C-alpha atoms as a PDB file:
ATOM      1  CA  MET A   1     132.732  99.234  89.334  1.00  0.00           C
ATOM      2  CA  LEU A   2     129.876 101.506  89.510  1.00  0.00           C
ATOM      3  CA  ILE A   3     128.079 102.181  92.780  1.00  0.00           C
ATOM      4  CA  SER A   4     124.991 100.695  91.692  1.00  0.00           C
ATOM      5  CA  THR A   5     126.882  97.388  90.558  1.00  0.00           C
ATOM      6  CA  LYS A   6     128.483  97.433  93.924  1.00  0.00           C
ATOM      7  CA  LEU A   7     125.031  97.968  95.909  1.00  0.00           C
ATOM      8  CA  TYR A   8     123.367  95.298  93.878  1.00  0.00           C
ATOM      9  CA  LEU A   9     126.359  92.885  94.658  1.00  0.00           C
ATOM     10  CA  LEU A  10     126.653  93.340  98.222  1.00  0.00           C
ATOM     11  CA  ARG A  11     122.957  92.862  98.823  1.00  0.00           C
ATOM     12  CA  HIS A  12     122.825  89.794  96.852  1.00  0.00           C
ATOM     13  CA  GLU A  13     126.171  88.330  98.270  1.00  0.00           C
ATOM     14  CA  ARG A  14     124.148  88.649 101.702  1.00  0.00           C
ATOM     15  CA  ASN A  15     120.857  87.119 100.513  1.00  0.00           C
ATOM     16  CA  LEU A  16     118.967  90.320 101.544  1.00  0.00           C
ATOM     17  CA  THR A  17     115.784  91.789  99.957  1.00  0.00           C
ATOM     18  CA  LEU A  18     115.383  95.261  99.307  1.00  0.00           C
ATOM     19  CA  GLN A  19     112.836  95.410 102.043  1.00  0.00           C
ATOM     20  CA  ALA A  20     115.590  94.158 104.564  1.00  0.00           C
ATOM     21  CA  VAL A  21     117.687  96.890 103.563  1.00  0.00           C
ATOM     22  CA  HIS A  22     115.094  99.482 103.854  1.00  0.00           C
ATOM     23  CA  ARG A  23     114.164  98.281 107.421  1.00  0.00           C
ATOM     24  CA  GLN A  24     117.499  98.307 108.604  1.00  0.00           C
ATOM     25  CA  THR A  25     118.800 101.694 107.031  1.00  0.00           C
ATOM     26  CA  GLY A  26     115.439 103.674 106.546  1.00  0.00           C
ATOM     27  CA  ILE A  27     116.164 104.449 103.208  1.00  0.00           C
ATOM     28  CA  ALA A  28     113.046 104.246 100.961  1.00  0.00           C
ATOM     29  CA  LEU A  29     112.528 101.058  98.922  1.00  0.00           C
ATOM     30  CA  ALA A  30     112.171 103.516  95.486  1.00  0.00           C
ATOM     31  CA  SER A  31     115.582 104.922  96.484  1.00  0.00           C
ATOM     32  CA  LEU A  32     117.466 101.601  97.115  1.00  0.00           C
ATOM     33  CA  SER A  33     115.923 100.321  93.678  1.00  0.00           C
ATOM     34  CA  SER A  34     116.856 103.171  91.658  1.00  0.00           C
ATOM     35  CA  TYR A  35     120.440 103.159  93.267  1.00  0.00           C
ATOM     36  CA  GLU A  36     121.101  99.691  92.243  1.00  0.00           C
ATOM     37  CA  LYS A  37     119.531 100.348  88.651  1.00  0.00           C
ATOM     38  CA  GLY A  38     121.784 103.322  88.426  1.00  0.00           C
ATOM     39  CA  ARG A  39     118.727 105.858  87.824  1.00  0.00           C
ATOM     40  CA  TYR A  40     120.073 108.113  90.871  1.00  0.00           C
ATOM     41  CA  ALA A  41     123.170 108.666  92.709  1.00  0.00           C
ATOM     42  CA  PRO A  42     122.802 108.071  96.665  1.00  0.00           C
ATOM     43  CA  SER A  43     123.116 111.236  98.771  1.00  0.00           C
ATOM     44  CA  LEU A  44     126.328 111.346 100.980  1.00  0.00           C
ATOM     45  CA  GLU A  45     123.806 110.588 103.925  1.00  0.00           C
ATOM     46  CA  ASN A  46     122.504 107.474 102.546  1.00  0.00           C
ATOM     47  CA  LEU A  47     126.199 106.449 101.183  1.00  0.00           C
ATOM     48  CA  CYS A  48     127.181 106.565 104.778  1.00  0.00           C
ATOM     49  CA  LYS A  49     124.157 104.538 105.957  1.00  0.00           C
ATOM     50  CA  LEU A  50     124.695 101.926 103.206  1.00  0.00           C
ATOM     51  CA  ALA A  51     128.329 101.707 104.134  1.00  0.00           C
ATOM     52  CA  ASP A  52     127.807 101.351 107.860  1.00  0.00           C
ATOM     53  CA  PHE A  53     125.051  98.630 107.191  1.00  0.00           C
ATOM     54  CA  TYR A  54     127.270  96.568 104.787  1.00  0.00           C
ATOM     55  CA  GLY A  55     130.226  96.989 107.148  1.00  0.00           C
ATOM     56  CA  ILE A  56     132.462  98.608 104.498  1.00  0.00           C
ATOM     57  CA  THR A  57     134.262 101.878 104.059  1.00  0.00           C
ATOM     58  CA  LEU A  58     132.817 104.734 101.947  1.00  0.00           C
ATOM     59  CA  ASP A  59     136.027 104.127  99.906  1.00  0.00           C
ATOM     60  CA  GLU A  60     135.231 100.553  99.179  1.00  0.00           C
ATOM     61  CA  LEU A  61     131.579 101.333  98.510  1.00  0.00           C
ATOM     62  CA  ILE A  62     132.583 103.898  95.712  1.00  0.00           C
ATOM     63  CA  GLY A  63     135.342 101.826  94.413  1.00  0.00           C
ATOM     64  CA  ARG A  64     138.332 103.801  95.641  1.00  0.00           C
ATOM     65  CA  PHE A  65     140.503 101.487  97.624  1.00  0.00           C
END
């Protein structure tokens, strides 16, 4: 599964808005949207923030179990 798809599904499974993820992680709204649409790949720093926010490992986030 692509990271973009995984991020989208994680957010929707938890009924969160992009704004809510932004507030909790400090990642810009435009960046979050671009990650979910597959336009840009998150930096390692932002991958770590997102994995921590969703309570999963980096391996789970990038689809490497």
